[in-house]
Protein backbone atom coordinates (compact mmCIF):
# COMPACT_ATOMS: atom_id res chain seq x y z
CA MET A 1 0.50 0.35 -0.28
CA LYS A 2 2.88 2.19 0.81
CA LYS A 3 4.53 1.99 -2.41
CA SER A 4 1.43 1.97 -4.42
CA LEU A 5 0.73 5.83 -3.03
CA THR A 6 4.50 6.81 -3.84
CA ALA A 7 4.32 6.19 -6.64
CA ALA A 8 0.80 7.53 -6.97
CA ALA A 9 2.59 10.45 -5.88
CA ILE A 10 5.63 10.21 -8.04
CA VAL A 11 3.63 10.17 -11.19
CA GLY A 12 1.23 13.46 -9.63
CA SER A 13 4.18 15.62 -9.51
CA VAL A 14 6.02 14.62 -13.17
CA ALA A 15 2.44 14.88 -14.44
CA ALA A 16 2.14 18.41 -12.33
CA LEU A 17 5.35 20.14 -13.37
CA MET A 18 4.43 19.20 -17.29
CA MET A 19 1.06 20.80 -17.23
CA LEU A 20 2.70 23.80 -15.94
CA GLY A 21 5.72 23.77 -18.29
CA ILE A 22 8.52 23.31 -15.92
CA PRO A 23 11.13 20.63 -17.50
CA ALA A 24 11.00 18.38 -14.42
CA ALA A 25 14.69 17.50 -14.65
CA GLN A 26 16.02 21.63 -16.26
CA ALA A 27 19.17 22.52 -13.56
CA ALA A 28 19.41 25.55 -14.83
CA ALA A 29 18.49 28.62 -17.48
CA PRO A 30 18.00 26.75 -21.25
CA VAL A 31 20.94 27.41 -23.53
CA ASP A 32 18.02 27.51 -26.51
CA LEU A 33 14.98 28.05 -27.76
CA PRO A 34 11.67 25.54 -27.87
CA ALA A 35 11.32 24.01 -31.33
CA GLY A 36 9.66 26.33 -33.52
CA GLN A 37 10.42 29.88 -32.13
CA ASP A 38 13.08 32.31 -33.02
CA LEU A 39 14.66 35.49 -31.17
CA TYR A 40 14.71 38.71 -32.82
CA ALA A 41 15.72 42.32 -31.97
CA ILE A 42 15.34 45.48 -33.67
CA ASP A 43 18.00 48.20 -33.00
CA CYS A 44 19.11 51.20 -31.84
CA GLU A 45 21.11 53.01 -34.50
CA ASP A 46 21.50 55.13 -37.60
CA PHE A 47 20.00 52.71 -39.63
CA GLY A 48 16.89 51.66 -37.17
CA PRO A 49 14.73 50.61 -37.34
CA GLN A 50 15.93 47.76 -38.62
CA LEU A 51 14.84 43.66 -37.68
CA TRP A 52 17.07 41.22 -37.05
CA ARG A 53 16.57 37.61 -36.41
CA ILE A 54 19.45 36.89 -33.26
CA ALA A 55 20.46 33.40 -32.82
CA PRO A 56 21.34 32.36 -28.54
CA SER A 57 25.20 32.65 -29.27
CA GLY A 58 24.67 36.05 -30.33
CA ALA A 59 24.23 36.08 -34.54
CA ALA A 60 22.28 38.48 -35.68
CA THR A 61 20.95 37.84 -39.70
CA PRO A 62 19.14 41.11 -41.16
CA VAL A 63 15.19 39.99 -41.89
CA GLY A 64 14.63 42.74 -44.45
CA ASP A 65 15.39 46.69 -44.22
CA ALA A 66 15.40 49.06 -42.10
CA TYR A 67 12.39 50.44 -43.27
CA LEU A 68 12.31 54.22 -41.53
CA THR A 69 14.93 56.39 -41.47
CA ALA A 70 15.63 57.51 -38.17
CA THR A 71 17.64 60.14 -36.83
CA GLY A 72 20.67 59.10 -34.40
CA ASP A 73 18.93 58.86 -30.81
CA ALA A 74 16.75 56.87 -32.56
CA CYS A 75 15.86 53.41 -30.23
CA ALA A 76 13.07 50.57 -29.86
CA ALA A 77 12.27 48.92 -26.85
CA GLY A 78 9.02 46.12 -25.00
CA GLY A 79 9.14 44.31 -28.68
CA GLN A 80 5.62 41.97 -28.30
CA ARG A 81 3.69 39.57 -30.24
CA ASN A 82 0.10 39.61 -30.00
CA PRO A 83 -0.67 35.58 -29.13
CA VAL A 84 -4.36 36.45 -30.58
CA THR A 85 -3.66 37.76 -33.79
CA GLY A 86 0.22 37.26 -33.84
CA VAL A 87 1.45 40.79 -35.09
CA SER A 88 4.37 42.26 -33.50
CA TYR A 89 3.98 45.29 -31.65
CA PHE A 90 7.37 47.30 -30.16
CA ILE A 91 7.75 51.17 -28.37
CA TYR A 92 9.47 53.15 -30.93
CA TYR A 93 11.48 56.40 -30.80
CA PRO A 94 12.33 58.16 -33.76
CA GLY A 95 14.59 60.51 -32.11
CA GLY A 96 12.45 62.87 -31.36
CA PRO A 97 10.27 64.09 -28.04
CA GLU A 98 7.53 61.61 -29.21
CA THR A 99 7.11 57.89 -28.05
CA GLN A 100 5.58 55.90 -31.14
CA LEU A 101 3.79 52.36 -31.04
CA ALA A 102 4.65 50.51 -34.01
CA THR A 103 4.57 47.61 -35.53
CA VAL A 104 7.17 44.39 -37.17
CA ASP A 105 6.79 42.13 -39.85
CA LEU A 106 8.76 39.10 -38.59
CA THR A 107 8.46 37.92 -42.35
CA THR A 108 9.92 40.74 -43.81
CA GLY A 109 11.20 43.18 -41.03
CA ALA A 110 8.77 45.85 -42.45
CA VAL A 111 7.58 48.75 -40.30
CA GLY A 112 4.63 50.69 -39.49
CA ILE A 113 3.52 53.51 -36.96
CA VAL A 114 0.54 52.63 -35.48
CA GLY A 115 0.20 56.38 -32.95
CA THR A 116 2.13 57.90 -30.56
CA LEU A 117 1.50 57.16 -26.60
CA THR A 118 -0.56 58.90 -24.85
CA GLY A 119 -0.34 59.81 -20.81
CA ASP A 120 2.77 59.95 -18.68
CA THR A 121 3.98 56.77 -20.55
CA ASP A 122 6.44 59.24 -23.09
CA GLY A 123 10.56 57.09 -23.12
CA ALA A 124 8.53 54.09 -21.43
CA TRP A 125 10.44 50.76 -22.39
CA GLN A 126 8.36 48.36 -20.21
CA PHE A 127 5.71 46.91 -22.26
CA PHE A 128 3.78 43.85 -22.56
CA ILE A 129 1.11 41.34 -24.39
CA THR A 130 -1.37 38.96 -21.90
CA ASN A 131 -3.10 35.46 -23.72
CA ALA A 132 -6.19 37.50 -23.95
CA GLY A 133 -4.24 39.77 -26.09
CA THR A 134 -4.82 42.88 -23.63
CA ALA A 135 -1.67 45.07 -23.19
CA TYR A 136 0.43 47.19 -21.06
CA ILE A 137 2.78 49.62 -20.64
CA THR A 138 4.11 51.05 -17.76
CA SER A 139 4.81 54.90 -17.38
CA ASN A 140 8.78 56.29 -17.94
CA ASN A 141 9.76 55.60 -14.57
CA ALA A 142 7.94 52.47 -14.57
CA ASP A 143 6.28 53.35 -11.21
CA SER A 144 2.27 53.13 -12.78
CA LEU A 145 0.74 50.71 -15.36
CA TYR A 146 -1.23 51.70 -18.02
CA THR A 147 -3.79 49.56 -20.48
CA ILE A 148 -2.13 50.58 -24.21
CA ASP A 149 -5.07 50.59 -27.33
CA LEU A 150 -3.16 48.59 -29.52
CA GLY A 151 -5.30 50.20 -32.69
CA THR A 152 -4.69 53.61 -31.53
CA ALA A 153 -1.63 53.54 -28.78
CA VAL A 154 -3.96 55.64 -25.74
CA THR A 155 -2.90 54.06 -22.92
CA THR A 156 -5.25 53.79 -19.78
CA PHE A 157 -4.03 54.41 -16.61
CA VAL A 158 -4.88 50.61 -14.23
CA ALA A 159 -2.56 51.48 -11.11
CA THR A 160 0.23 52.42 -9.24
CA ILE A 161 3.14 50.32 -8.98
CA GLY A 162 4.62 49.17 -5.45
CA PRO A 163 6.16 49.10 -3.38
CA ASP A 164 9.11 47.57 -5.12
CA VAL A 165 9.40 49.05 -9.07
CA PRO A 166 11.49 46.75 -10.53
CA ASP A 167 13.18 47.93 -13.62
CA THR A 168 12.75 45.40 -16.12
CA VAL A 169 8.72 43.73 -16.35
CA ALA A 170 7.29 41.03 -18.57
CA TYR A 171 4.56 38.76 -18.82
CA ASN A 172 5.00 34.53 -18.71
CA PRO A 173 2.30 33.09 -20.90
CA VAL A 174 3.08 29.46 -19.85
CA ASN A 175 1.31 31.01 -16.17
CA ASP A 176 0.29 33.88 -17.33
CA THR A 177 2.01 35.82 -14.61
CA ILE A 178 3.56 39.24 -14.91
CA TYR A 179 7.48 39.00 -13.59
CA GLY A 180 9.41 42.06 -12.65
CA ILE A 181 13.23 41.08 -12.01
CA ASP A 182 16.21 44.09 -10.49
CA ARG A 183 19.42 45.86 -12.82
CA ASP A 184 21.04 44.60 -9.18
CA ASP A 185 23.88 42.33 -9.51
CA VAL A 186 21.70 40.73 -7.25
CA ILE A 187 18.88 38.53 -9.20
CA ASN A 188 15.29 39.64 -7.35
CA VAL A 189 12.53 38.06 -8.60
CA TYR A 190 8.78 40.02 -8.18
CA THR A 191 5.51 39.41 -9.19
CA LEU A 192 2.69 41.98 -10.59
CA ASP A 193 -1.18 42.01 -9.85
CA ARG A 194 -2.24 43.87 -12.94
CA LEU A 195 -5.50 44.90 -11.27
CA THR A 196 -3.91 46.83 -8.10
CA GLY A 197 -0.54 47.48 -9.29
CA VAL A 198 0.79 45.30 -6.21
CA MET A 199 4.51 44.24 -6.92
CA THR A 200 5.53 41.33 -4.33
CA ASN A 201 8.59 40.09 -4.33
CA THR A 202 8.84 36.54 -4.44
CA GLY A 203 12.09 36.03 -2.39
CA LEU A 204 14.13 34.29 -5.01
CA THR A 205 17.52 35.64 -5.72
CA GLY A 206 20.49 34.45 -7.69
CA THR A 207 23.37 36.24 -8.75
CA TRP A 208 23.42 37.50 -12.49
CA PRO A 209 26.91 35.39 -14.70
CA THR A 210 29.61 38.07 -15.67
CA ALA A 211 29.25 38.75 -19.33
CA THR A 212 32.87 37.91 -21.35
CA CYS A 213 32.63 40.63 -23.71
CA LEU A 214 33.86 40.22 -27.41
CA GLY A 215 35.86 43.35 -27.76
CA GLY A 216 38.37 42.26 -24.84
CA GLY A 217 37.64 42.85 -20.79
CA THR A 218 34.38 41.44 -18.70
CA ASN A 219 30.97 43.36 -17.82
CA GLU A 220 28.09 43.32 -14.81
CA ILE A 221 24.55 42.23 -16.25
CA ARG A 222 22.13 45.22 -16.22
CA PRO A 223 19.09 43.37 -18.10
CA ASP A 224 16.85 45.88 -20.18
CA ALA A 225 14.60 43.55 -21.81
CA LEU A 226 12.43 40.20 -20.87
CA VAL A 227 10.40 38.16 -23.11
CA PHE A 228 9.15 34.67 -22.47
CA ASP A 229 8.53 32.02 -24.32
CA ALA A 230 6.73 28.89 -24.42
CA ALA A 231 8.25 26.74 -22.21
CA GLY A 232 8.23 29.72 -19.62
CA PHE A 233 11.58 30.63 -19.77
CA GLY A 234 12.68 34.31 -19.57
CA TRP A 235 14.94 35.48 -22.41
CA VAL A 236 17.22 38.76 -21.50
CA GLN A 237 18.98 41.90 -23.43
CA SER A 238 21.49 42.89 -21.10
CA ASP A 239 22.83 46.39 -21.69
CA SER A 240 26.32 44.87 -20.96
CA CYS A 241 29.89 44.31 -23.06
CA ASN A 242 27.26 45.63 -26.48
CA SER A 243 23.96 43.79 -25.88
CA VAL A 244 24.12 40.66 -24.02
CA VAL A 245 22.23 37.40 -25.04
CA MET A 246 21.07 35.63 -21.70
CA SER A 247 18.70 33.27 -20.58
CA VAL A 248 17.20 32.99 -17.21
CA ASP A 249 14.90 30.84 -15.40
CA LEU A 250 12.48 32.25 -12.82
CA SER A 251 11.58 29.64 -10.33
CA ASP A 252 15.10 29.47 -9.35
CA ALA A 253 16.76 32.49 -10.29
CA SER A 254 19.10 30.50 -12.68
CA ALA A 255 20.80 32.67 -15.31
CA VAL A 256 23.34 31.36 -18.64
CA ILE A 257 24.58 34.28 -20.80
CA GLY A 258 24.54 32.82 -24.43
CA GLY A 259 27.16 35.45 -26.46
CA GLU A 260 26.66 39.33 -26.78
CA LEU A 261 25.19 40.12 -29.98
CA PHE A 262 26.99 40.78 -33.44
CA ASP A 263 26.05 40.65 -37.03
CA ALA A 264 26.89 36.82 -38.43
CA THR A 265 26.88 38.37 -42.30
CA GLY A 266 30.31 39.76 -42.51
CA THR A 267 28.80 42.91 -42.68
CA ILE A 268 30.17 46.16 -41.33
CA TYR A 269 26.71 47.53 -38.89
CA PRO A 270 26.80 49.54 -38.75
CA THR A 271 30.27 50.47 -37.10
CA ALA A 272 32.33 47.38 -36.74
CA PRO A 273 31.41 44.11 -37.25
CA ASN A 274 31.03 43.80 -33.71
CA ASP A 275 29.60 46.93 -32.98
CA PHE A 276 25.56 45.96 -32.59
CA TYR A 277 22.94 47.25 -30.27
CA SER A 278 19.76 46.59 -29.61
CA GLU A 279 17.17 47.50 -26.21
CA THR A 280 14.73 44.54 -27.30
CA PHE A 281 13.84 41.13 -28.28
CA ILE A 282 10.80 40.11 -29.75
CA ILE A 283 10.37 35.64 -29.06
CA GLY A 284 7.88 35.01 -32.64
CA PRO A 285 7.26 31.96 -34.87
CA ALA A 286 11.31 30.14 -36.56
CA PRO A 287 10.50 31.11 -40.21
CA ALA A 288 10.03 27.45 -42.16
CA ALA A 289 13.68 27.69 -42.94
CA ALA A 290 15.79 29.29 -40.67
CA VAL A 291 19.02 29.44 -40.92
CA VAL A 292 20.91 29.38 -37.54
CA PRO A 293 24.27 31.57 -37.56
CA ALA A 294 26.90 29.70 -36.13
CA ALA A 295 28.24 30.72 -32.74
CA VAL A 296 31.68 32.39 -32.03
CA ASN A 297 31.99 31.78 -27.82
CA PRO A 298 33.05 28.24 -26.48
CA ALA A 299 29.84 25.64 -26.90
CA LEU A 300 27.86 25.62 -23.68
CA ALA A 301 28.19 22.19 -21.90
CA ALA A 302 25.01 20.13 -23.82
CA THR A 303 21.86 20.91 -20.80
CA GLY A 304 19.10 22.98 -22.80
CA VAL A 305 19.38 21.72 -26.45
CA ASP A 306 15.49 21.11 -27.44
CA THR A 307 14.62 20.71 -23.96
CA ASP A 308 11.29 20.16 -25.01
CA ALA A 309 10.82 17.25 -27.07
CA VAL A 310 13.05 15.33 -24.48
CA VAL A 311 11.01 16.60 -21.21
CA ILE A 312 8.19 15.79 -22.91
CA LEU A 313 9.18 12.10 -23.81
CA ALA A 314 10.79 11.56 -21.06
CA GLY A 315 7.56 12.48 -18.74
CA ALA A 316 5.42 10.34 -21.23
CA SER A 317 8.14 7.09 -19.94
CA ALA A 318 7.59 7.99 -16.99
CA LEU A 319 3.99 8.46 -16.52
CA ALA A 320 3.79 5.30 -18.07
CA VAL A 321 6.70 3.11 -16.72
CA LEU A 322 5.36 4.09 -12.90
CA LEU A 323 1.22 3.33 -13.64
CA GLY A 324 2.13 0.32 -14.76
CA ALA A 325 4.15 -0.28 -11.26
CA THR A 326 0.94 1.00 -9.66
CA LEU A 327 -1.60 -1.52 -11.21
CA MET A 328 0.94 -4.34 -10.68
CA MET A 329 1.67 -3.61 -6.99
CA ARG A 330 -2.00 -3.32 -6.70
CA ARG A 331 -2.47 -6.27 -8.73
CA ARG A 332 0.35 -9.06 -6.16
CA ALA A 333 -1.57 -6.86 -3.13
CA GLY A 334 -5.00 -8.23 -4.79
CA VAL A 335 -6.41 -5.03 -4.61
C-alpha cells in the first residue's frame, strides 16, 4: 500500500511539472529556444529600425531592410507578439520628443507606426501583451501601470506600481503571470498584480553571471528587456559589453549567457563587425527554413538542447512506467 501511494505521488508530481511547462530535469536556464520559436531584435542605431533574427549565441541575421529613416537617437524597446492576432509590436523612439507604438512584420521586417503614446508613458519601455490580447505599458519611470489600445496607442491608467518598482517587467504566457527583475548584480524576482499594481517580492534570488565581451574584458549584467518563450523561460537583453543575450529561469533565479550581439553576415553594421546594439527582444515563430548563424563563442554544456521534446518524451515515459508499476503492485496486493 505504501509503495502504491509513493508511485502515485511521483506520477502526480511529474504530471504537474509537465502541465506547468517546467522541465522536471532542468537544472538551470536553457541555452536554446523551444522548437518552432526564434528570437528577434530591433536595433538602436542611425539606420534603424532594422529587424534582426538572433541566435542564443548572439549571432544576428538581418530580416529585410530598415523601413523608416531614423535620426542618431532612434531606438526601440518592449517588443511583444500578440498571441491572439499574431501581430508583433514595439515601442519606438524616433529621435524626437514623441514615443510611438509601432508594428513589425517578423517575415519581411516591415515597420508601421500605430500612433503616439498618450498619458505619462512618453519614454516608457516596459510593454507586454497577455494571452487574452490585453496590452500594458508602464510609465517612463515604471511606477505606474497602463493599458494601451493596440489600434490607437491611447493609454489608460490602471494603478500605481509598488511598493517595489523593478527595472524590467514582462509577461510569462505559460503561467499567466507578470514578473519583474532588477538591474542589480543580485537577481530579485517579483510578481505584479495587473489589477492593483501591487508588486510582490517572491523571495527568489540568484546572482547574474559576468559577461565576457567580444571586444575584450568583462562586464556586469544589466537586464533591460525580458521576454518569455513557450516553455516559460525568460530571455534577457542586457546592456552589458555591447549588448548581451541571456536566458533566465525565474523559478530558481538561474541564468545563462549565450553571447554578445554581433553581425553574423560579416557586414560592417553599423560601424564594425561586432558593433550591434539593441534594447528589445521579440519571440516569434521560426521561419520555415530558418538559417541559424554559427556561434563564435565556446559551446556551452549540452544541458538545454531543445529540452522541450526530451522533457515531454521523458515525462510521458515516466508516467507510463509508474502507472504500470502502480497497477502491478495493486494486483499483487489483491486490490
